[in-house]
N, C-alpha and C. Protein backbone atom coordinates (compact mmCIF):
# COMPACT_ATOMS: atom_id res chain seq x y z
N UNK A 1 21.29 60.25 -11.44
CA UNK A 1 20.09 59.72 -12.09
C UNK A 1 19.73 58.34 -11.52
N UNK A 2 20.73 57.46 -11.31
CA UNK A 2 20.48 56.11 -10.79
C UNK A 2 19.96 56.17 -9.36
N UNK A 3 20.52 57.12 -8.52
CA UNK A 3 20.13 57.18 -7.12
C UNK A 3 18.66 57.52 -6.94
N UNK A 4 18.06 58.22 -7.86
CA UNK A 4 16.65 58.56 -7.75
C UNK A 4 15.73 57.40 -8.09
N UNK A 5 16.25 56.40 -8.79
CA UNK A 5 15.41 55.26 -9.21
C UNK A 5 15.78 53.97 -8.49
N UNK A 6 16.37 54.08 -7.30
CA UNK A 6 16.78 52.88 -6.57
C UNK A 6 15.61 51.95 -6.31
N UNK A 7 14.51 52.52 -5.91
CA UNK A 7 13.34 51.71 -5.57
C UNK A 7 12.85 50.92 -6.78
N UNK A 8 12.89 51.52 -7.93
CA UNK A 8 12.43 50.85 -9.15
C UNK A 8 13.34 49.67 -9.50
N UNK A 9 14.63 49.78 -9.20
CA UNK A 9 15.57 48.70 -9.49
C UNK A 9 15.54 47.63 -8.38
N UNK A 10 15.54 48.06 -7.13
CA UNK A 10 15.65 47.13 -6.00
C UNK A 10 14.37 46.31 -5.81
N UNK A 11 13.23 46.93 -5.95
CA UNK A 11 11.95 46.24 -5.70
C UNK A 11 11.76 45.02 -6.61
N UNK A 12 11.95 45.12 -7.93
CA UNK A 12 11.81 43.90 -8.76
C UNK A 12 12.84 42.83 -8.42
N UNK A 13 14.08 43.23 -8.08
CA UNK A 13 15.09 42.25 -7.70
C UNK A 13 14.70 41.52 -6.41
N UNK A 14 14.21 42.29 -5.45
CA UNK A 14 13.76 41.69 -4.18
C UNK A 14 12.59 40.73 -4.42
N UNK A 15 11.66 41.14 -5.26
CA UNK A 15 10.49 40.31 -5.57
C UNK A 15 10.91 39.02 -6.28
N UNK A 16 11.85 39.11 -7.21
CA UNK A 16 12.34 37.92 -7.91
C UNK A 16 13.01 36.95 -6.94
N UNK A 17 13.83 37.47 -6.04
CA UNK A 17 14.52 36.62 -5.06
C UNK A 17 13.50 35.94 -4.13
N UNK A 18 12.50 36.70 -3.70
CA UNK A 18 11.47 36.15 -2.83
C UNK A 18 10.70 35.03 -3.52
N UNK A 19 10.31 35.24 -4.77
CA UNK A 19 9.59 34.22 -5.53
C UNK A 19 10.44 32.97 -5.75
N UNK A 20 11.72 33.16 -6.02
CA UNK A 20 12.61 32.02 -6.24
C UNK A 20 12.76 31.18 -4.98
N UNK A 21 13.03 31.82 -3.85
CA UNK A 21 13.20 31.10 -2.58
C UNK A 21 11.89 30.44 -2.17
N UNK A 22 10.79 31.18 -2.23
CA UNK A 22 9.49 30.62 -1.86
C UNK A 22 9.09 29.45 -2.75
N UNK A 23 9.34 29.57 -4.05
CA UNK A 23 9.02 28.50 -4.99
C UNK A 23 9.86 27.26 -4.75
N UNK A 24 11.14 27.45 -4.43
CA UNK A 24 12.02 26.31 -4.15
C UNK A 24 11.55 25.55 -2.92
N UNK A 25 11.18 26.28 -1.88
CA UNK A 25 10.69 25.63 -0.65
C UNK A 25 9.41 24.87 -0.93
N UNK A 26 8.49 25.47 -1.70
CA UNK A 26 7.22 24.82 -2.01
C UNK A 26 7.44 23.53 -2.82
N UNK A 27 8.31 23.60 -3.83
CA UNK A 27 8.56 22.42 -4.67
C UNK A 27 9.19 21.31 -3.84
N UNK A 28 10.12 21.66 -2.96
CA UNK A 28 10.77 20.65 -2.13
C UNK A 28 9.76 19.97 -1.22
N UNK A 29 8.87 20.75 -0.61
CA UNK A 29 7.85 20.17 0.27
C UNK A 29 6.84 19.35 -0.53
N UNK A 30 6.47 19.81 -1.70
CA UNK A 30 5.47 19.12 -2.51
C UNK A 30 5.99 17.77 -3.00
N UNK A 31 7.28 17.66 -3.25
CA UNK A 31 7.85 16.43 -3.79
C UNK A 31 8.25 15.44 -2.71
N UNK A 32 8.30 15.85 -1.45
CA UNK A 32 8.77 14.97 -0.39
C UNK A 32 7.74 13.89 -0.09
N UNK A 33 8.16 12.65 -0.23
CA UNK A 33 7.30 11.51 0.08
C UNK A 33 7.98 10.71 1.18
N UNK A 34 7.29 10.53 2.30
CA UNK A 34 7.80 9.73 3.39
C UNK A 34 6.92 8.49 3.54
N UNK A 35 7.34 7.57 4.35
CA UNK A 35 6.52 6.39 4.61
C UNK A 35 5.16 6.78 5.18
N UNK A 36 5.14 7.85 5.95
CA UNK A 36 3.90 8.30 6.59
C UNK A 36 2.84 8.71 5.57
N UNK A 37 3.23 9.35 4.46
CA UNK A 37 2.25 9.78 3.46
C UNK A 37 2.31 8.96 2.16
N UNK A 38 3.00 7.83 2.21
CA UNK A 38 3.15 6.98 1.03
C UNK A 38 1.81 6.44 0.52
N UNK A 39 0.83 6.30 1.40
CA UNK A 39 -0.47 5.75 1.00
C UNK A 39 -1.12 6.58 -0.12
N UNK A 40 -0.77 7.85 -0.19
CA UNK A 40 -1.32 8.72 -1.24
C UNK A 40 -0.76 8.38 -2.62
N UNK A 41 0.35 7.65 -2.67
CA UNK A 41 1.02 7.34 -3.93
C UNK A 41 0.77 5.92 -4.43
N UNK A 42 0.21 5.06 -3.57
CA UNK A 42 0.01 3.66 -3.96
C UNK A 42 -1.07 3.57 -5.04
N UNK A 43 -0.73 2.91 -6.13
CA UNK A 43 -1.69 2.74 -7.24
C UNK A 43 -2.09 1.27 -7.34
N UNK A 44 -3.38 1.04 -7.53
CA UNK A 44 -3.93 -0.32 -7.64
C UNK A 44 -4.54 -0.54 -9.00
N UNK A 45 -4.40 -1.75 -9.53
CA UNK A 45 -5.15 -2.21 -10.70
C UNK A 45 -5.85 -3.49 -10.26
N UNK A 46 -7.18 -3.58 -10.47
CA UNK A 46 -7.94 -4.70 -9.93
C UNK A 46 -8.98 -5.18 -10.93
N UNK A 47 -9.27 -6.47 -10.84
CA UNK A 47 -10.42 -7.04 -11.56
C UNK A 47 -10.98 -8.16 -10.70
N UNK A 48 -12.30 -8.27 -10.68
CA UNK A 48 -12.98 -9.30 -9.89
C UNK A 48 -14.07 -9.89 -10.76
N UNK A 49 -13.86 -11.13 -11.21
CA UNK A 49 -14.74 -11.74 -12.21
C UNK A 49 -15.28 -13.08 -11.74
N UNK A 50 -16.41 -13.44 -12.31
CA UNK A 50 -16.99 -14.76 -12.07
C UNK A 50 -16.43 -15.72 -13.09
N UNK A 51 -15.82 -16.80 -12.63
CA UNK A 51 -15.28 -17.82 -13.52
C UNK A 51 -16.19 -19.03 -13.58
N UNK A 52 -15.72 -20.09 -14.21
CA UNK A 52 -16.51 -21.33 -14.30
C UNK A 52 -16.67 -21.99 -12.94
N UNK A 53 -15.67 -21.85 -12.10
CA UNK A 53 -15.68 -22.54 -10.81
C UNK A 53 -15.55 -21.58 -9.63
N UNK A 54 -16.19 -20.43 -9.72
CA UNK A 54 -16.13 -19.46 -8.63
C UNK A 54 -15.60 -18.11 -9.09
N UNK A 55 -15.44 -17.21 -8.16
CA UNK A 55 -14.97 -15.86 -8.48
C UNK A 55 -13.46 -15.77 -8.32
N UNK A 56 -12.85 -14.87 -9.11
CA UNK A 56 -11.40 -14.71 -9.09
C UNK A 56 -11.06 -13.22 -8.99
N UNK A 57 -10.29 -12.88 -7.98
CA UNK A 57 -9.79 -11.51 -7.81
C UNK A 57 -8.33 -11.47 -8.26
N UNK A 58 -8.02 -10.57 -9.18
CA UNK A 58 -6.64 -10.28 -9.58
C UNK A 58 -6.37 -8.82 -9.26
N UNK A 59 -5.25 -8.55 -8.61
CA UNK A 59 -4.92 -7.17 -8.26
C UNK A 59 -3.40 -7.00 -8.27
N UNK A 60 -2.98 -5.78 -8.57
CA UNK A 60 -1.56 -5.44 -8.50
C UNK A 60 -1.42 -4.06 -7.90
N UNK A 61 -0.30 -3.82 -7.24
CA UNK A 61 -0.04 -2.52 -6.63
C UNK A 61 1.35 -2.05 -6.98
N UNK A 62 1.53 -0.74 -6.93
CA UNK A 62 2.85 -0.14 -7.15
C UNK A 62 2.91 1.18 -6.39
N UNK A 63 4.02 1.41 -5.70
CA UNK A 63 4.16 2.68 -5.00
C UNK A 63 4.41 3.83 -5.96
N UNK A 64 5.14 3.58 -7.01
CA UNK A 64 5.46 4.65 -7.96
C UNK A 64 6.66 5.49 -7.54
N UNK A 65 6.89 5.65 -6.24
CA UNK A 65 8.03 6.42 -5.72
C UNK A 65 8.61 5.70 -4.53
N UNK A 66 9.84 6.03 -4.19
CA UNK A 66 10.46 5.49 -2.98
C UNK A 66 10.38 6.55 -1.88
N UNK A 67 10.05 6.14 -0.67
CA UNK A 67 9.99 7.13 0.42
C UNK A 67 11.37 7.68 0.76
N UNK A 68 11.42 8.97 1.06
CA UNK A 68 12.69 9.64 1.36
C UNK A 68 13.32 9.13 2.66
N UNK A 69 12.50 8.57 3.56
CA UNK A 69 13.04 8.15 4.85
C UNK A 69 13.38 6.66 4.91
N UNK A 70 13.55 6.03 3.75
CA UNK A 70 14.09 4.68 3.73
C UNK A 70 13.05 3.59 3.53
N UNK A 71 13.58 2.39 3.36
CA UNK A 71 12.76 1.22 3.04
C UNK A 71 13.10 0.10 4.02
N UNK A 72 12.18 -0.18 4.93
CA UNK A 72 12.38 -1.26 5.88
C UNK A 72 11.03 -1.61 6.50
N UNK A 73 10.97 -2.75 7.16
CA UNK A 73 9.74 -3.16 7.81
C UNK A 73 9.11 -4.35 7.11
N UNK A 74 7.91 -4.67 7.53
CA UNK A 74 7.14 -5.77 6.97
C UNK A 74 5.77 -5.25 6.63
N UNK A 75 5.25 -5.67 5.48
CA UNK A 75 3.91 -5.26 5.07
C UNK A 75 2.96 -6.44 5.07
N UNK A 76 1.68 -6.11 5.12
CA UNK A 76 0.64 -7.13 5.19
C UNK A 76 -0.49 -6.72 4.24
N UNK A 77 -0.99 -7.67 3.48
CA UNK A 77 -2.18 -7.44 2.66
C UNK A 77 -3.20 -8.49 3.02
N UNK A 78 -4.41 -8.04 3.33
CA UNK A 78 -5.51 -8.93 3.62
C UNK A 78 -6.53 -8.85 2.50
N UNK A 79 -7.11 -9.99 2.14
CA UNK A 79 -8.15 -10.03 1.11
C UNK A 79 -9.38 -10.69 1.71
N UNK A 80 -10.51 -10.00 1.60
CA UNK A 80 -11.78 -10.53 2.08
C UNK A 80 -12.76 -10.57 0.92
N UNK A 81 -13.29 -11.75 0.61
CA UNK A 81 -14.34 -11.88 -0.40
C UNK A 81 -15.68 -11.88 0.34
N UNK A 82 -16.58 -10.99 -0.09
CA UNK A 82 -17.84 -10.79 0.62
C UNK A 82 -19.01 -11.39 -0.17
N UNK A 83 -19.98 -11.98 0.55
CA UNK A 83 -21.17 -12.48 -0.10
C UNK A 83 -22.18 -11.35 -0.28
N UNK A 84 -23.37 -11.67 -0.78
CA UNK A 84 -24.37 -10.65 -1.08
C UNK A 84 -24.91 -9.95 0.16
N UNK A 85 -24.70 -10.54 1.34
CA UNK A 85 -25.14 -9.92 2.60
C UNK A 85 -24.01 -9.14 3.28
N UNK A 86 -22.85 -9.06 2.63
CA UNK A 86 -21.72 -8.33 3.21
C UNK A 86 -20.93 -9.11 4.22
N UNK A 87 -21.11 -10.43 4.24
CA UNK A 87 -20.36 -11.28 5.16
C UNK A 87 -19.17 -11.92 4.44
N UNK A 88 -18.05 -12.12 5.14
CA UNK A 88 -16.90 -12.78 4.49
C UNK A 88 -17.23 -14.23 4.17
N UNK A 89 -16.69 -14.72 3.06
CA UNK A 89 -16.88 -16.13 2.72
C UNK A 89 -16.24 -17.01 3.79
N UNK A 90 -16.82 -18.18 4.06
CA UNK A 90 -16.20 -19.11 5.01
C UNK A 90 -14.82 -19.55 4.52
N UNK A 91 -13.97 -19.89 5.45
CA UNK A 91 -12.59 -20.28 5.14
C UNK A 91 -12.52 -21.40 4.11
N UNK A 92 -13.43 -22.38 4.23
CA UNK A 92 -13.37 -23.56 3.36
C UNK A 92 -13.73 -23.24 1.91
N UNK A 93 -14.28 -22.04 1.65
CA UNK A 93 -14.65 -21.68 0.28
C UNK A 93 -13.58 -20.88 -0.44
N UNK A 94 -12.48 -20.56 0.25
CA UNK A 94 -11.35 -19.87 -0.38
C UNK A 94 -10.42 -20.92 -0.97
N UNK A 95 -10.30 -20.91 -2.29
CA UNK A 95 -9.67 -22.03 -2.99
C UNK A 95 -8.18 -21.82 -3.23
N UNK A 96 -7.82 -20.82 -4.00
CA UNK A 96 -6.42 -20.56 -4.35
C UNK A 96 -6.07 -19.14 -3.96
N UNK A 97 -4.84 -18.96 -3.47
CA UNK A 97 -4.41 -17.61 -3.08
C UNK A 97 -2.89 -17.56 -3.10
N UNK A 98 -2.38 -16.55 -3.79
CA UNK A 98 -0.92 -16.34 -3.83
C UNK A 98 -0.63 -14.87 -4.10
N UNK A 99 0.56 -14.46 -3.67
CA UNK A 99 1.03 -13.09 -3.86
C UNK A 99 2.42 -13.16 -4.46
N UNK A 100 2.70 -12.32 -5.45
CA UNK A 100 4.01 -12.28 -6.10
C UNK A 100 4.61 -10.89 -5.96
N UNK A 101 5.85 -10.83 -5.49
CA UNK A 101 6.57 -9.57 -5.37
C UNK A 101 7.46 -9.39 -6.60
N UNK A 102 7.36 -8.24 -7.25
CA UNK A 102 8.13 -7.97 -8.46
C UNK A 102 9.59 -7.68 -8.12
N UNK A 103 10.48 -8.16 -8.97
CA UNK A 103 11.90 -7.83 -8.91
C UNK A 103 12.35 -7.39 -10.29
N UNK A 104 13.33 -6.50 -10.34
CA UNK A 104 13.75 -5.92 -11.61
C UNK A 104 14.23 -6.96 -12.61
N UNK A 105 15.26 -7.70 -12.25
CA UNK A 105 15.92 -8.59 -13.21
C UNK A 105 15.78 -10.07 -12.87
N UNK A 106 15.01 -10.39 -11.87
CA UNK A 106 14.91 -11.77 -11.42
C UNK A 106 13.46 -12.22 -11.41
N UNK A 107 13.27 -13.51 -11.17
CA UNK A 107 11.92 -14.06 -11.08
C UNK A 107 11.20 -13.47 -9.87
N UNK A 108 9.88 -13.39 -9.97
CA UNK A 108 9.09 -12.88 -8.86
C UNK A 108 9.26 -13.76 -7.63
N UNK A 109 9.13 -13.14 -6.46
CA UNK A 109 9.11 -13.87 -5.20
C UNK A 109 7.65 -14.20 -4.89
N UNK A 110 7.33 -15.47 -4.74
CA UNK A 110 5.95 -15.89 -4.51
C UNK A 110 5.76 -16.16 -3.03
N UNK A 111 4.68 -15.59 -2.48
CA UNK A 111 4.34 -15.77 -1.07
C UNK A 111 2.97 -16.43 -0.97
N UNK A 112 2.89 -17.46 -0.16
CA UNK A 112 1.60 -18.11 0.10
C UNK A 112 0.88 -17.33 1.19
N UNK A 113 -0.42 -17.28 1.09
CA UNK A 113 -1.21 -16.60 2.09
C UNK A 113 -1.62 -17.52 3.22
N UNK A 114 -2.12 -16.91 4.28
CA UNK A 114 -2.61 -17.66 5.44
C UNK A 114 -4.11 -17.42 5.55
N UNK A 115 -4.88 -18.48 5.68
CA UNK A 115 -6.33 -18.35 5.84
C UNK A 115 -6.62 -17.93 7.28
N UNK A 116 -7.38 -16.84 7.42
CA UNK A 116 -7.83 -16.39 8.74
C UNK A 116 -9.36 -16.32 8.71
N UNK A 117 -9.96 -15.96 9.81
CA UNK A 117 -11.42 -16.05 9.93
C UNK A 117 -12.17 -15.25 8.88
N UNK A 118 -11.65 -14.08 8.50
CA UNK A 118 -12.38 -13.23 7.56
C UNK A 118 -11.65 -13.05 6.22
N UNK A 119 -10.80 -14.00 5.84
CA UNK A 119 -10.16 -13.89 4.53
C UNK A 119 -8.78 -14.52 4.47
N UNK A 120 -7.94 -13.91 3.65
CA UNK A 120 -6.57 -14.36 3.44
C UNK A 120 -5.62 -13.26 3.90
N UNK A 121 -4.54 -13.64 4.56
CA UNK A 121 -3.55 -12.69 5.04
C UNK A 121 -2.19 -13.02 4.43
N UNK A 122 -1.60 -12.04 3.73
CA UNK A 122 -0.26 -12.19 3.15
C UNK A 122 0.72 -11.33 3.95
N UNK A 123 1.92 -11.84 4.14
CA UNK A 123 2.98 -11.11 4.83
C UNK A 123 4.21 -11.08 3.92
N UNK A 124 4.82 -9.90 3.79
CA UNK A 124 6.00 -9.78 2.92
C UNK A 124 6.88 -8.62 3.37
N UNK A 125 8.17 -8.66 3.03
CA UNK A 125 9.10 -7.62 3.49
C UNK A 125 9.12 -6.41 2.56
N UNK A 126 9.56 -5.28 3.13
CA UNK A 126 9.97 -4.10 2.35
C UNK A 126 11.47 -3.99 2.56
N UNK A 127 12.22 -4.06 1.53
CA UNK A 127 13.67 -3.92 1.73
C UNK A 127 14.38 -3.62 0.42
N UNK A 128 15.59 -3.14 0.58
CA UNK A 128 16.49 -2.92 -0.55
C UNK A 128 17.55 -3.99 -0.45
N UNK A 129 17.65 -4.83 -1.48
CA UNK A 129 18.57 -5.96 -1.45
C UNK A 129 19.32 -6.04 -2.76
N UNK A 130 20.63 -5.89 -2.72
CA UNK A 130 21.46 -5.93 -3.92
C UNK A 130 20.92 -5.02 -5.01
N UNK A 131 20.67 -3.77 -4.64
CA UNK A 131 20.17 -2.73 -5.55
C UNK A 131 18.79 -3.03 -6.13
N UNK A 132 18.05 -3.93 -5.50
CA UNK A 132 16.68 -4.22 -5.93
C UNK A 132 15.74 -3.90 -4.77
N UNK A 133 14.64 -3.23 -5.09
CA UNK A 133 13.63 -2.98 -4.08
C UNK A 133 12.65 -4.15 -4.06
N UNK A 134 12.28 -4.55 -2.87
CA UNK A 134 11.34 -5.65 -2.70
C UNK A 134 10.19 -5.15 -1.83
N UNK A 135 8.98 -5.37 -2.32
CA UNK A 135 7.78 -5.00 -1.56
C UNK A 135 7.06 -3.77 -2.08
N UNK A 136 7.72 -3.01 -2.96
CA UNK A 136 7.09 -1.78 -3.46
C UNK A 136 6.11 -2.04 -4.61
N UNK A 137 6.14 -3.24 -5.18
CA UNK A 137 5.18 -3.58 -6.24
C UNK A 137 4.99 -5.08 -6.27
N UNK A 138 3.83 -5.49 -6.72
CA UNK A 138 3.55 -6.91 -6.79
C UNK A 138 2.13 -7.15 -7.25
N UNK A 139 1.72 -8.40 -7.17
CA UNK A 139 0.37 -8.77 -7.60
C UNK A 139 -0.14 -9.90 -6.72
N UNK A 140 -1.44 -10.09 -6.74
CA UNK A 140 -2.04 -11.16 -5.96
C UNK A 140 -3.24 -11.73 -6.71
N UNK A 141 -3.57 -12.97 -6.35
CA UNK A 141 -4.75 -13.62 -6.90
C UNK A 141 -5.40 -14.43 -5.79
N UNK A 142 -6.72 -14.26 -5.66
CA UNK A 142 -7.50 -15.03 -4.69
C UNK A 142 -8.76 -15.50 -5.38
N UNK A 143 -9.10 -16.77 -5.22
CA UNK A 143 -10.31 -17.29 -5.85
C UNK A 143 -11.14 -18.10 -4.86
N UNK A 144 -12.43 -18.17 -5.15
CA UNK A 144 -13.35 -18.95 -4.32
C UNK A 144 -13.79 -20.19 -5.09
N UNK A 145 -14.42 -21.13 -4.39
CA UNK A 145 -14.83 -22.37 -5.05
C UNK A 145 -16.22 -22.31 -5.67
N UNK A 146 -16.93 -21.18 -5.51
CA UNK A 146 -18.22 -21.01 -6.17
C UNK A 146 -19.43 -21.49 -5.41
N UNK A 147 -19.24 -22.02 -4.20
CA UNK A 147 -20.39 -22.49 -3.44
C UNK A 147 -21.30 -21.34 -3.02
N UNK A 148 -20.71 -20.20 -2.69
CA UNK A 148 -21.47 -19.01 -2.30
C UNK A 148 -21.21 -17.91 -3.31
N UNK A 149 -22.28 -17.22 -3.71
CA UNK A 149 -22.12 -16.12 -4.67
C UNK A 149 -21.43 -14.94 -3.99
N UNK A 150 -20.36 -14.45 -4.58
CA UNK A 150 -19.64 -13.30 -4.03
C UNK A 150 -20.09 -12.03 -4.73
N UNK A 151 -20.07 -10.94 -3.99
CA UNK A 151 -20.49 -9.64 -4.52
C UNK A 151 -19.33 -8.64 -4.59
N UNK A 152 -18.42 -8.73 -3.65
CA UNK A 152 -17.38 -7.70 -3.54
C UNK A 152 -16.11 -8.28 -2.94
N UNK A 153 -14.98 -7.72 -3.34
CA UNK A 153 -13.69 -8.05 -2.74
C UNK A 153 -13.15 -6.81 -2.05
N UNK A 154 -12.57 -7.02 -0.87
CA UNK A 154 -11.95 -5.93 -0.12
C UNK A 154 -10.47 -6.26 0.03
N UNK A 155 -9.61 -5.33 -0.40
CA UNK A 155 -8.17 -5.48 -0.22
C UNK A 155 -7.73 -4.47 0.84
N UNK A 156 -7.14 -4.97 1.91
CA UNK A 156 -6.65 -4.12 3.00
C UNK A 156 -5.13 -4.20 3.01
N UNK A 157 -4.49 -3.04 3.03
CA UNK A 157 -3.03 -2.97 2.95
C UNK A 157 -2.50 -2.27 4.20
N UNK A 158 -1.68 -2.99 4.98
CA UNK A 158 -1.07 -2.45 6.18
C UNK A 158 0.43 -2.30 5.90
N UNK A 159 0.90 -1.06 5.88
CA UNK A 159 2.31 -0.76 5.59
C UNK A 159 3.01 -0.32 6.87
N UNK A 160 4.17 -0.91 7.15
CA UNK A 160 4.97 -0.49 8.31
C UNK A 160 6.34 -0.02 7.83
N UNK A 161 6.98 0.82 8.64
CA UNK A 161 8.32 1.30 8.28
C UNK A 161 9.29 1.25 9.46
N UNK A 162 8.98 0.38 10.40
CA UNK A 162 9.92 0.09 11.48
C UNK A 162 9.97 -1.42 11.64
N UNK A 163 11.14 -1.92 12.02
CA UNK A 163 11.25 -3.35 12.28
C UNK A 163 10.41 -3.72 13.50
N UNK A 164 9.73 -4.84 13.41
CA UNK A 164 8.95 -5.36 14.53
C UNK A 164 8.95 -6.89 14.43
N UNK A 165 8.37 -7.53 15.39
CA UNK A 165 8.45 -8.99 15.47
C UNK A 165 7.25 -9.69 14.82
N UNK A 166 6.46 -8.96 14.09
CA UNK A 166 5.35 -9.58 13.39
C UNK A 166 3.99 -9.11 13.89
N UNK A 167 2.98 -9.45 13.13
CA UNK A 167 1.61 -9.09 13.46
C UNK A 167 1.04 -10.17 14.38
N UNK A 168 0.51 -9.74 15.50
CA UNK A 168 -0.04 -10.69 16.46
C UNK A 168 -1.48 -11.02 16.14
N UNK A 169 -2.25 -10.03 15.69
CA UNK A 169 -3.67 -10.23 15.39
C UNK A 169 -3.84 -10.94 14.05
N UNK A 170 -4.91 -11.69 13.91
CA UNK A 170 -5.20 -12.45 12.69
C UNK A 170 -6.48 -11.91 12.06
N UNK A 171 -6.41 -10.72 11.51
CA UNK A 171 -7.58 -10.04 10.96
C UNK A 171 -7.23 -9.54 9.57
N UNK A 172 -7.91 -10.06 8.54
CA UNK A 172 -7.59 -9.71 7.16
C UNK A 172 -7.93 -8.26 6.83
N UNK A 173 -8.76 -7.60 7.65
CA UNK A 173 -9.08 -6.19 7.40
C UNK A 173 -8.39 -5.26 8.39
N UNK A 174 -7.62 -5.79 9.29
CA UNK A 174 -6.79 -5.02 10.22
C UNK A 174 -7.60 -4.06 11.09
N UNK A 175 -8.84 -4.43 11.40
CA UNK A 175 -9.61 -3.62 12.35
C UNK A 175 -8.96 -3.70 13.73
N UNK A 176 -8.52 -4.90 14.10
CA UNK A 176 -7.81 -5.09 15.37
C UNK A 176 -6.35 -5.32 15.05
N UNK A 177 -5.50 -4.37 15.42
CA UNK A 177 -4.09 -4.46 15.06
C UNK A 177 -3.25 -4.54 16.33
N UNK A 178 -2.45 -5.57 16.43
CA UNK A 178 -1.47 -5.64 17.52
C UNK A 178 -0.21 -6.29 16.97
N UNK A 179 0.92 -5.72 17.35
CA UNK A 179 2.22 -6.16 16.85
C UNK A 179 3.05 -6.71 17.99
N UNK A 180 3.77 -7.78 17.71
CA UNK A 180 4.66 -8.34 18.72
C UNK A 180 5.80 -7.35 18.97
N UNK A 181 6.07 -7.11 20.23
CA UNK A 181 7.17 -6.21 20.59
C UNK A 181 6.82 -4.74 20.51
N UNK A 182 5.55 -4.40 20.26
CA UNK A 182 5.13 -2.99 20.20
C UNK A 182 3.96 -2.77 21.16
N UNK A 183 3.83 -1.56 21.65
CA UNK A 183 2.70 -1.23 22.52
C UNK A 183 1.42 -1.19 21.70
N UNK A 184 0.31 -1.57 22.32
CA UNK A 184 -0.98 -1.66 21.61
C UNK A 184 -1.42 -0.33 21.00
N UNK A 185 -1.14 0.77 21.67
CA UNK A 185 -1.62 2.07 21.17
C UNK A 185 -0.59 2.82 20.33
N UNK A 186 0.50 2.15 19.94
CA UNK A 186 1.54 2.79 19.13
C UNK A 186 1.14 2.74 17.65
N UNK A 187 0.72 3.87 17.12
CA UNK A 187 0.31 3.96 15.71
C UNK A 187 1.28 4.81 14.90
N UNK A 188 2.51 4.96 15.41
CA UNK A 188 3.46 5.89 14.80
C UNK A 188 4.24 5.28 13.64
N UNK A 189 4.10 3.99 13.38
CA UNK A 189 4.98 3.35 12.40
C UNK A 189 4.21 2.58 11.33
N UNK A 190 2.93 2.84 11.16
CA UNK A 190 2.17 2.13 10.14
C UNK A 190 0.94 2.93 9.72
N UNK A 191 0.39 2.54 8.57
CA UNK A 191 -0.94 3.00 8.15
C UNK A 191 -1.67 1.84 7.50
N UNK A 192 -2.99 1.98 7.38
CA UNK A 192 -3.82 0.97 6.73
C UNK A 192 -4.67 1.67 5.68
N UNK A 193 -4.72 1.08 4.47
CA UNK A 193 -5.61 1.59 3.44
C UNK A 193 -6.45 0.43 2.92
N UNK A 194 -7.65 0.74 2.43
CA UNK A 194 -8.51 -0.30 1.85
C UNK A 194 -8.99 0.13 0.48
N UNK A 195 -9.14 -0.86 -0.40
CA UNK A 195 -9.71 -0.62 -1.72
C UNK A 195 -10.73 -1.71 -1.98
N UNK A 196 -11.80 -1.36 -2.68
CA UNK A 196 -12.94 -2.26 -2.89
C UNK A 196 -13.13 -2.52 -4.39
N UNK A 197 -13.56 -3.73 -4.72
CA UNK A 197 -13.83 -4.06 -6.12
C UNK A 197 -15.09 -4.92 -6.18
N UNK A 198 -16.09 -4.44 -6.92
CA UNK A 198 -17.32 -5.19 -7.09
C UNK A 198 -17.17 -6.26 -8.15
N UNK A 199 -17.92 -7.34 -8.02
CA UNK A 199 -17.89 -8.42 -8.98
C UNK A 199 -18.44 -7.92 -10.33
N UNK A 200 -17.71 -8.20 -11.40
CA UNK A 200 -18.14 -7.76 -12.75
C UNK A 200 -19.10 -8.77 -13.35
C-alpha cells in the first residue's frame, strides 16, 4: 500500500526541503549589510531654522546596523548652506560649526570643522575601540551670521572602508574627490550620499 503512494509522500517532503533551503538563502542575503550598501541604512534627523542671528542647521545620523565586512577608514561630512539663488554662502558668513561623535558610555567626541570654499568639511574616524563603535552615529550643528538669507542646507556624506592617507580635495559636496595614496579613478572603497533640508 505504501509503495503505491510514494509520490504523494515524497513530493511534499521535497517541496518543504526546497522552500526551507531557498528561504534560508534569501533571508541571509536580505540581511547582509556591507560597507558598499550601508548608505541604504543611514538614517538622518534634520532641522534648519531661522534664529535671531542667522540660520541654524542641526542634524544627526545613525547607521542602525554594523557592516558585516568590518569597521575601518575615515569618513567625511560636508555642509553647504545655500542662498536663495542656490549659491553657497561665503566663508566669512559661516559662524559656528561642530560635529559630535556618539559613544556608548563616555562623553561625545567633538570635532571642529574646516571652512572650505563651498561650506564646512568635517573629518572623523570609523573604528571599533575598546568595545565601542566610533563614527556610526553622531550629530552636527552649523550656523550662519545672518548677513545673507539662506534657503537650503545640503549635507554630503562620504563614507570609506579602507585605510587611506586623507582627502586631498577640499570640496564640501565631494563633486571632485581625490584621496592621498589612492588612484584618482579608484571608486571601490567609498560612496557619497546627499540629503537636503529647506529652511523652515
